[in-house]
Amino acid sequence: MGGFVGRDYYLSGQGVSRAYDPDRLAAQVLAALAADKPLLVVPAQARMAWRFARLAPGLMDRMSRRFVDQQRARLTATDDEPSRR
């Protein structure tokens, strides 16, 4: 839609240059199922965020809201820029 690529926006907002490899994820999911693990949180960055959220949910909520507000402001600023030709 209008040159907006959600995947790229999400990755850059998270500070990630490459998405998690789907084959690697599939292998980890199958291994977790075989080991009867009830929960799999990958990649490591997501696992750290999940653990932090479990430890301090209120703080993580505030940080998440701040992140979303910053991303919205960045998107709005990009939309307001005049087109360069």
PDB file of N, CA and C in Angstrom:
ATOM      1  N   MET A   1       0.834  -1.170   0.000  1.00  0.00           N
ATOM      2  CA  MET A   1       0.000   0.000   0.000  1.00  0.00           C
ATOM      3  C   MET A   1       0.885   1.241   0.000  1.00  0.00           C
ATOM      4  N   GLY A   2       0.941   1.944  -1.063  1.00  0.00           N
ATOM      5  CA  GLY A   2       1.661   3.205  -1.129  1.00  0.00           C
ATOM      6  C   GLY A   2       3.140   3.122  -0.812  1.00  0.00           C
ATOM      7  N   GLY A   3       3.789   2.015  -1.109  1.00  0.00           N
ATOM      8  CA  GLY A   3       5.213   1.894  -0.843  1.00  0.00           C
ATOM      9  C   GLY A   3       5.556   1.485   0.570  1.00  0.00           C
ATOM     10  N   PHE A   4       4.549   1.300   1.409  1.00  0.00           N
ATOM     11  CA  PHE A   4       4.783   0.874   2.790  1.00  0.00           C
ATOM     12  C   PHE A   4       4.958  -0.638   2.812  1.00  0.00           C
ATOM     13  N   VAL A   5       6.093  -1.078   3.346  1.00  0.00           N
ATOM     14  CA  VAL A   5       6.359  -2.512   3.464  1.00  0.00           C
ATOM     15  C   VAL A   5       6.422  -2.839   4.951  1.00  0.00           C
ATOM     16  N   GLY A   6       5.361  -3.470   5.438  1.00  0.00           N
ATOM     17  CA  GLY A   6       5.228  -3.742   6.866  1.00  0.00           C
ATOM     18  C   GLY A   6       6.371  -4.564   7.428  1.00  0.00           C
ATOM     19  N   ARG A   7       6.822  -5.552   6.671  1.00  0.00           N
ATOM     20  CA  ARG A   7       7.905  -6.427   7.147  1.00  0.00           C
ATOM     21  C   ARG A   7       9.183  -5.616   7.381  1.00  0.00           C
ATOM     22  N   ASP A   8       9.520  -4.771   6.409  1.00  0.00           N
ATOM     23  CA  ASP A   8      10.719  -3.939   6.548  1.00  0.00           C
ATOM     24  C   ASP A   8      10.569  -2.954   7.701  1.00  0.00           C
ATOM     25  N   TYR A   9       9.378  -2.395   7.842  1.00  0.00           N
ATOM     26  CA  TYR A   9       9.101  -1.451   8.925  1.00  0.00           C
ATOM     27  C   TYR A   9       9.277  -2.132  10.278  1.00  0.00           C
ATOM     28  N   TYR A  10       8.745  -3.339  10.400  1.00  0.00           N
ATOM     29  CA  TYR A  10       8.850  -4.079  11.656  1.00  0.00           C
ATOM     30  C   TYR A  10      10.304  -4.407  11.967  1.00  0.00           C
ATOM     31  N   LEU A  11      11.032  -4.927  10.983  1.00  0.00           N
ATOM     32  CA  LEU A  11      12.418  -5.317  11.219  1.00  0.00           C
ATOM     33  C   LEU A  11      13.282  -4.120  11.598  1.00  0.00           C
ATOM     34  N   SER A  12      13.133  -3.012  10.875  1.00  0.00           N
ATOM     35  CA  SER A  12      13.952  -1.839  11.187  1.00  0.00           C
ATOM     36  C   SER A  12      13.570  -1.262  12.550  1.00  0.00           C
ATOM     37  N   GLY A  13      12.294  -1.307  12.886  1.00  0.00           N
ATOM     38  CA  GLY A  13      11.850  -0.812  14.189  1.00  0.00           C
ATOM     39  C   GLY A  13      12.394  -1.639  15.337  1.00  0.00           C
ATOM     40  N   GLN A  14      12.596  -2.925  15.098  1.00  0.00           N
ATOM     41  CA  GLN A  14      13.139  -3.815  16.119  1.00  0.00           C
ATOM     42  C   GLN A  14      14.660  -3.816  16.125  1.00  0.00           C
ATOM     43  N   GLY A  15      15.264  -3.129  15.163  1.00  0.00           N
ATOM     44  CA  GLY A  15      16.725  -3.109  15.081  1.00  0.00           C
ATOM     45  C   GLY A  15      17.287  -4.415  14.554  1.00  0.00           C
ATOM     46  N   VAL A  16      16.502  -5.095  13.733  1.00  0.00           N
ATOM     47  CA  VAL A  16      16.897  -6.388  13.178  1.00  0.00           C
ATOM     48  C   VAL A  16      17.141  -6.223  11.680  1.00  0.00           C
ATOM     49  N   SER A  17      18.272  -6.732  11.203  1.00  0.00           N
ATOM     50  CA  SER A  17      18.567  -6.587   9.778  1.00  0.00           C
ATOM     51  C   SER A  17      18.006  -7.733   8.944  1.00  0.00           C
ATOM     52  N   ARG A  18      17.885  -8.917   9.559  1.00  0.00           N
ATOM     53  CA  ARG A  18      17.353 -10.078   8.837  1.00  0.00           C
ATOM     54  C   ARG A  18      16.305 -10.775   9.697  1.00  0.00           C
ATOM     55  N   ALA A  19      15.270 -11.249   9.032  1.00  0.00           N
ATOM     56  CA  ALA A  19      14.230 -11.988   9.746  1.00  0.00           C
ATOM     57  C   ALA A  19      14.763 -13.357  10.154  1.00  0.00           C
ATOM     58  N   TYR A  20      14.134 -13.941  11.144  1.00  0.00           N
ATOM     59  CA  TYR A  20      14.522 -15.268  11.619  1.00  0.00           C
ATOM     60  C   TYR A  20      14.253 -16.289  10.518  1.00  0.00           C
ATOM     61  N   ASP A  21      15.196 -17.173  10.296  1.00  0.00           N
ATOM     62  CA  ASP A  21      15.098 -18.161   9.230  1.00  0.00           C
ATOM     63  C   ASP A  21      13.931 -19.116   9.480  1.00  0.00           C
ATOM     64  N   PRO A  22      12.982 -19.216   8.543  1.00  0.00           N
ATOM     65  CA  PRO A  22      11.816 -20.066   8.762  1.00  0.00           C
ATOM     66  C   PRO A  22      12.160 -21.552   8.905  1.00  0.00           C
ATOM     67  N   ASP A  23      13.193 -22.014   8.215  1.00  0.00           N
ATOM     68  CA  ASP A  23      13.593 -23.420   8.342  1.00  0.00           C
ATOM     69  C   ASP A  23      14.138 -23.705   9.745  1.00  0.00           C
ATOM     70  N   ARG A  24      14.881 -22.754  10.260  1.00  0.00           N
ATOM     71  CA  ARG A  24      15.422 -22.906  11.618  1.00  0.00           C
ATOM     72  C   ARG A  24      14.289 -22.904  12.642  1.00  0.00           C
ATOM     73  N   LEU A  25      13.333 -22.003  12.444  1.00  0.00           N
ATOM     74  CA  LEU A  25      12.181 -21.948  13.341  1.00  0.00           C
ATOM     75  C   LEU A  25      11.401 -23.257  13.294  1.00  0.00           C
ATOM     76  N   ALA A  26      11.165 -23.775  12.095  1.00  0.00           N
ATOM     77  CA  ALA A  26      10.425 -25.026  11.947  1.00  0.00           C
ATOM     78  C   ALA A  26      11.137 -26.164  12.675  1.00  0.00           C
ATOM     79  N   ALA A  27      12.457 -26.243  12.527  1.00  0.00           N
ATOM     80  CA  ALA A  27      13.227 -27.291  13.203  1.00  0.00           C
ATOM     81  C   ALA A  27      13.115 -27.159  14.712  1.00  0.00           C
ATOM     82  N   GLN A  28      13.158 -25.926  15.216  1.00  0.00           N
ATOM     83  CA  GLN A  28      13.061 -25.711  16.659  1.00  0.00           C
ATOM     84  C   GLN A  28      11.661 -26.040  17.180  1.00  0.00           C
ATOM     85  N   VAL A  29      10.643 -25.728  16.389  1.00  0.00           N
ATOM     86  CA  VAL A  29       9.271 -26.056  16.782  1.00  0.00           C
ATOM     87  C   VAL A  29       9.100 -27.568  16.851  1.00  0.00           C
ATOM     88  N   LEU A  30       9.589 -28.274  15.839  1.00  0.00           N
ATOM     89  CA  LEU A  30       9.475 -29.736  15.842  1.00  0.00           C
ATOM     90  C   LEU A  30      10.242 -30.356  17.009  1.00  0.00           C
ATOM     91  N   ALA A  31      11.418 -29.818  17.307  1.00  0.00           N
ATOM     92  CA  ALA A  31      12.199 -30.326  18.448  1.00  0.00           C
ATOM     93  C   ALA A  31      11.472 -30.063  19.761  1.00  0.00           C
ATOM     94  N   ALA A  32      10.853 -28.897  19.888  1.00  0.00           N
ATOM     95  CA  ALA A  32      10.105 -28.576  21.113  1.00  0.00           C
ATOM     96  C   ALA A  32       8.893 -29.488  21.250  1.00  0.00           C
ATOM     97  N   LEU A  33       8.219 -29.771  20.141  1.00  0.00           N
ATOM     98  CA  LEU A  33       7.082 -30.696  20.189  1.00  0.00           C
ATOM     99  C   LEU A  33       7.531 -32.093  20.586  1.00  0.00           C
ATOM    100  N   ALA A  34       8.633 -32.544  20.022  1.00  0.00           N
ATOM    101  CA  ALA A  34       9.147 -33.877  20.342  1.00  0.00           C
ATOM    102  C   ALA A  34       9.553 -33.975  21.806  1.00  0.00           C
ATOM    103  N   ALA A  35      10.046 -32.874  22.361  1.00  0.00           N
ATOM    104  CA  ALA A  35      10.459 -32.850  23.774  1.00  0.00           C
ATOM    105  C   ALA A  35       9.290 -32.522  24.699  1.00  0.00           C
ATOM    106  N   ASP A  36       8.087 -32.350  24.118  1.00  0.00           N
ATOM    107  CA  ASP A  36       6.883 -32.031  24.872  1.00  0.00           C
ATOM    108  C   ASP A  36       7.023 -30.731  25.661  1.00  0.00           C
ATOM    109  N   LYS A  37       7.722 -29.751  25.054  1.00  0.00           N
ATOM    110  CA  LYS A  37       7.862 -28.436  25.689  1.00  0.00           C
ATOM    111  C   LYS A  37       6.594 -27.622  25.420  1.00  0.00           C
ATOM    112  N   PRO A  38       6.009 -27.030  26.459  1.00  0.00           N
ATOM    113  CA  PRO A  38       4.771 -26.283  26.273  1.00  0.00           C
ATOM    114  C   PRO A  38       4.967 -24.885  25.658  1.00  0.00           C
ATOM    115  N   LEU A  39       6.205 -24.404  25.642  1.00  0.00           N
ATOM    116  CA  LEU A  39       6.443 -23.039  25.183  1.00  0.00           C
ATOM    117  C   LEU A  39       7.794 -22.947  24.504  1.00  0.00           C
ATOM    118  N   LEU A  40       7.823 -22.242  23.381  1.00  0.00           N
ATOM    119  CA  LEU A  40       9.066 -21.993  22.659  1.00  0.00           C
ATOM    120  C   LEU A  40       9.099 -20.508  22.326  1.00  0.00           C
ATOM    121  N   VAL A  41      10.093 -19.807  22.814  1.00  0.00           N
ATOM    122  CA  VAL A  41      10.228 -18.376  22.530  1.00  0.00           C
ATOM    123  C   VAL A  41      11.572 -18.178  21.843  1.00  0.00           C
ATOM    124  N   VAL A  42      11.525 -17.873  20.555  1.00  0.00           N
ATOM    125  CA  VAL A  42      12.724 -17.641  19.761  1.00  0.00           C
ATOM    126  C   VAL A  42      12.476 -16.436  18.866  1.00  0.00           C
ATOM    127  N   PRO A  43      13.496 -15.753  18.424  1.00  0.00           N
ATOM    128  CA  PRO A  43      14.925 -15.909  18.658  1.00  0.00           C
ATOM    129  C   PRO A  43      15.325 -15.372  20.033  1.00  0.00           C
ATOM    130  N   ALA A  44      16.614 -15.319  20.254  1.00  0.00           N
ATOM    131  CA  ALA A  44      17.144 -14.931  21.565  1.00  0.00           C
ATOM    132  C   ALA A  44      16.646 -13.550  22.003  1.00  0.00           C
ATOM    133  N   GLN A  45      16.556 -12.616  21.065  1.00  0.00           N
ATOM    134  CA  GLN A  45      16.092 -11.266  21.395  1.00  0.00           C
ATOM    135  C   GLN A  45      14.654 -11.313  21.926  1.00  0.00           C
ATOM    136  N   ALA A  46      13.816 -12.128  21.312  1.00  0.00           N
ATOM    137  CA  ALA A  46      12.438 -12.266  21.773  1.00  0.00           C
ATOM    138  C   ALA A  46      12.387 -12.970  23.125  1.00  0.00           C
ATOM    139  N   ARG A  47      13.245 -13.950  23.320  1.00  0.00           N
ATOM    140  CA  ARG A  47      13.286 -14.670  24.596  1.00  0.00           C
ATOM    141  C   ARG A  47      13.697 -13.736  25.728  1.00  0.00           C
ATOM    142  N   MET A  48      14.669 -12.870  25.463  1.00  0.00           N
ATOM    143  CA  MET A  48      15.086 -11.906  26.493  1.00  0.00           C
ATOM    144  C   MET A  48      13.945 -10.954  26.822  1.00  0.00           C
ATOM    145  N   ALA A  49      13.232 -10.479  25.796  1.00  0.00           N
ATOM    146  CA  ALA A  49      12.106  -9.573  26.026  1.00  0.00           C
ATOM    147  C   ALA A  49      10.997 -10.281  26.807  1.00  0.00           C
ATOM    148  N   TRP A  50      10.739 -11.547  26.478  1.00  0.00           N
ATOM    149  CA  TRP A  50       9.718 -12.311  27.177  1.00  0.00           C
ATOM    150  C   TRP A  50      10.086 -12.489  28.651  1.00  0.00           C
ATOM    151  N   ARG A  51      11.337 -12.820  28.903  1.00  0.00           N
ATOM    152  CA  ARG A  51      11.782 -12.992  30.295  1.00  0.00           C
ATOM    153  C   ARG A  51      11.685 -11.687  31.069  1.00  0.00           C
ATOM    154  N   PHE A  52      12.081 -10.601  30.433  1.00  0.00           N
ATOM    155  CA  PHE A  52      12.002  -9.285  31.069  1.00  0.00           C
ATOM    156  C   PHE A  52      10.548  -8.935  31.378  1.00  0.00           C
ATOM    157  N   ALA A  53       9.646  -9.254  30.436  1.00  0.00           N
ATOM    158  CA  ALA A  53       8.224  -8.973  30.652  1.00  0.00           C
ATOM    159  C   ALA A  53       7.669  -9.791  31.812  1.00  0.00           C
ATOM    160  N   ARG A  54       8.159 -10.999  31.983  1.00  0.00           N
ATOM    161  CA  ARG A  54       7.724 -11.831  33.112  1.00  0.00           C
ATOM    162  C   ARG A  54       8.251 -11.278  34.434  1.00  0.00           C
ATOM    163  N   LEU A  55       9.444 -10.707  34.395  1.00  0.00           N
ATOM    164  CA  LEU A  55      10.074 -10.181  35.589  1.00  0.00           C
ATOM    165  C   LEU A  55       9.474  -8.836  36.008  1.00  0.00           C
ATOM    166  N   ALA A  56       9.247  -7.965  35.038  1.00  0.00           N
ATOM    167  CA  ALA A  56       8.740  -6.617  35.319  1.00  0.00           C
ATOM    168  C   ALA A  56       7.679  -6.235  34.289  1.00  0.00           C
ATOM    169  N   PRO A  57       6.470  -6.789  34.399  1.00  0.00           N
ATOM    170  CA  PRO A  57       5.455  -6.562  33.368  1.00  0.00           C
ATOM    171  C   PRO A  57       5.038  -5.097  33.197  1.00  0.00           C
ATOM    172  N   GLY A  58       4.937  -4.361  34.288  1.00  0.00           N
ATOM    173  CA  GLY A  58       4.543  -2.952  34.179  1.00  0.00           C
ATOM    174  C   GLY A  58       5.578  -2.124  33.435  1.00  0.00           C
ATOM    175  N   LEU A  59       6.835  -2.351  33.749  1.00  0.00           N
ATOM    176  CA  LEU A  59       7.908  -1.629  33.072  1.00  0.00           C
ATOM    177  C   LEU A  59       7.951  -1.993  31.592  1.00  0.00           C
ATOM    178  N   MET A  60       7.795  -3.280  31.286  1.00  0.00           N
ATOM    179  CA  MET A  60       7.813  -3.709  29.888  1.00  0.00           C
ATOM    180  C   MET A  60       6.639  -3.107  29.127  1.00  0.00           C
ATOM    181  N   ASP A  61       5.495  -3.001  29.774  1.00  0.00           N
ATOM    182  CA  ASP A  61       4.329  -2.388  29.136  1.00  0.00           C
ATOM    183  C   ASP A  61       4.608  -0.931  28.794  1.00  0.00           C
ATOM    184  N   ARG A  62       5.185  -0.198  29.737  1.00  0.00           N
ATOM    185  CA  ARG A  62       5.511   1.216  29.470  1.00  0.00           C
ATOM    186  C   ARG A  62       6.546   1.348  28.356  1.00  0.00           C
ATOM    187  N   MET A  63       7.539   0.477  28.367  1.00  0.00           N
ATOM    188  CA  MET A  63       8.565   0.520  27.323  1.00  0.00           C
ATOM    189  C   MET A  63       7.961   0.185  25.955  1.00  0.00           C
ATOM    190  N   SER A  64       7.048  -0.760  25.931  1.00  0.00           N
ATOM    191  CA  SER A  64       6.400  -1.139  24.672  1.00  0.00           C
ATOM    192  C   SER A  64       5.548   0.001  24.133  1.00  0.00           C
ATOM    193  N   ARG A  65       4.825   0.646  25.024  1.00  0.00           N
ATOM    194  CA  ARG A  65       4.003   1.787  24.592  1.00  0.00           C
ATOM    195  C   ARG A  65       4.877   2.912  24.043  1.00  0.00           C
ATOM    196  N   ARG A  66       5.985   3.177  24.716  1.00  0.00           N
ATOM    197  CA  ARG A  66       6.899   4.214  24.252  1.00  0.00           C
ATOM    198  C   ARG A  66       7.460   3.864  22.865  1.00  0.00           C
ATOM    199  N   PHE A  67       7.824   2.587  22.683  1.00  0.00           N
ATOM    200  CA  PHE A  67       8.334   2.137  21.396  1.00  0.00           C
ATOM    201  C   PHE A  67       7.292   2.339  20.289  1.00  0.00           C
ATOM    202  N   VAL A  68       6.046   1.958  20.559  1.00  0.00           N
ATOM    203  CA  VAL A  68       4.982   2.121  19.560  1.00  0.00           C
ATOM    204  C   VAL A  68       4.770   3.600  19.247  1.00  0.00           C
ATOM    205  N   ASP A  69       4.757   4.446  20.264  1.00  0.00           N
ATOM    206  CA  ASP A  69       4.595   5.883  20.045  1.00  0.00           C
ATOM    207  C   ASP A  69       5.721   6.436  19.179  1.00  0.00           C
ATOM    208  N   GLN A  70       6.955   5.990  19.433  1.00  0.00           N
ATOM    209  CA  GLN A  70       8.090   6.450  18.633  1.00  0.00           C
ATOM    210  C   GLN A  70       7.975   5.988  17.189  1.00  0.00           C
ATOM    211  N   GLN A  71       7.534   4.758  16.990  1.00  0.00           N
ATOM    212  CA  GLN A  71       7.377   4.238  15.633  1.00  0.00           C
ATOM    213  C   GLN A  71       6.281   4.991  14.884  1.00  0.00           C
ATOM    214  N   ARG A  72       5.189   5.279  15.569  1.00  0.00           N
ATOM    215  CA  ARG A  72       4.111   6.044  14.942  1.00  0.00           C
ATOM    216  C   ARG A  72       4.578   7.437  14.570  1.00  0.00           C
ATOM    217  N   ALA A  73       5.324   8.071  15.458  1.00  0.00           N
ATOM    218  CA  ALA A  73       5.839   9.415  15.175  1.00  0.00           C
ATOM    219  C   ALA A  73       6.792   9.380  13.983  1.00  0.00           C
ATOM    220  N   ARG A  74       7.625   8.350  13.932  1.00  0.00           N
ATOM    221  CA  ARG A  74       8.560   8.222  12.811  1.00  0.00           C
ATOM    222  C   ARG A  74       7.813   8.016  11.497  1.00  0.00           C
ATOM    223  N   LEU A  75       6.774   7.192  11.528  1.00  0.00           N
ATOM    224  CA  LEU A  75       5.991   6.947  10.323  1.00  0.00           C
ATOM    225  C   LEU A  75       5.265   8.209   9.885  1.00  0.00           C
ATOM    226  N   THR A  76       4.716   8.937  10.846  1.00  0.00           N
ATOM    227  CA  THR A  76       4.019  10.186  10.537  1.00  0.00           C
ATOM    228  C   THR A  76       4.978  11.209   9.950  1.00  0.00           C
ATOM    229  N   ALA A  77       6.181  11.309  10.518  1.00  0.00           N
ATOM    230  CA  ALA A  77       7.184  12.251  10.005  1.00  0.00           C
ATOM    231  C   ALA A  77       7.583  11.888   8.582  1.00  0.00           C
ATOM    232  N   THR A  78       7.674  10.601   8.284  1.00  0.00           N
ATOM    233  CA  THR A  78       8.026  10.153   6.941  1.00  0.00           C
ATOM    234  C   THR A  78       6.903  10.475   5.972  1.00  0.00           C
ATOM    235  N   ASP A  79       5.654  10.292   6.401  1.00  0.00           N
ATOM    236  CA  ASP A  79       4.509  10.589   5.548  1.00  0.00           C
ATOM    237  C   ASP A  79       4.384  12.075   5.273  1.00  0.00           C
ATOM    238  N   ASP A  80       4.814  12.919   6.225  1.00  0.00           N
ATOM    239  CA  ASP A  80       4.679  14.374   6.070  1.00  0.00           C
ATOM    240  C   ASP A  80       5.764  14.985   5.209  1.00  0.00           C
ATOM    241  N   GLU A  81       6.853  14.245   4.947  1.00  0.00           N
ATOM    242  CA  GLU A  81       7.941  14.787   4.134  1.00  0.00           C
ATOM    243  C   GLU A  81       7.470  14.969   2.698  1.00  0.00           C
ATOM    244  N   PRO A  82       7.818  16.104   2.087  1.00  0.00           N
ATOM    245  CA  PRO A  82       7.426  16.297   0.676  1.00  0.00           C
ATOM    246  C   PRO A  82       8.218  15.332  -0.207  1.00  0.00           C
ATOM    247  N   SER A  83       7.579  14.939  -1.283  1.00  0.00           N
ATOM    248  CA  SER A  83       8.248  14.027  -2.225  1.00  0.00           C
ATOM    249  C   SER A  83       9.416  14.721  -2.889  1.00  0.00           C
ATOM    250  N   ARG A  84      10.511  13.999  -3.019  1.00  0.00           N
ATOM    251  CA  ARG A  84      11.684  14.544  -3.696  1.00  0.00           C
ATOM    252  C   ARG A  84      11.748  13.991  -5.090  1.00  0.00           C
ATOM    253  N   ARG A  85      11.868  14.846  -6.067  1.00  0.00           N
ATOM    254  CA  ARG A  85      11.941  14.402  -7.466  1.00  0.00           C
ATOM    255  C   ARG A  85      13.217  14.828  -8.083  1.00  0.00           C
TER     256      ARG A  85
END
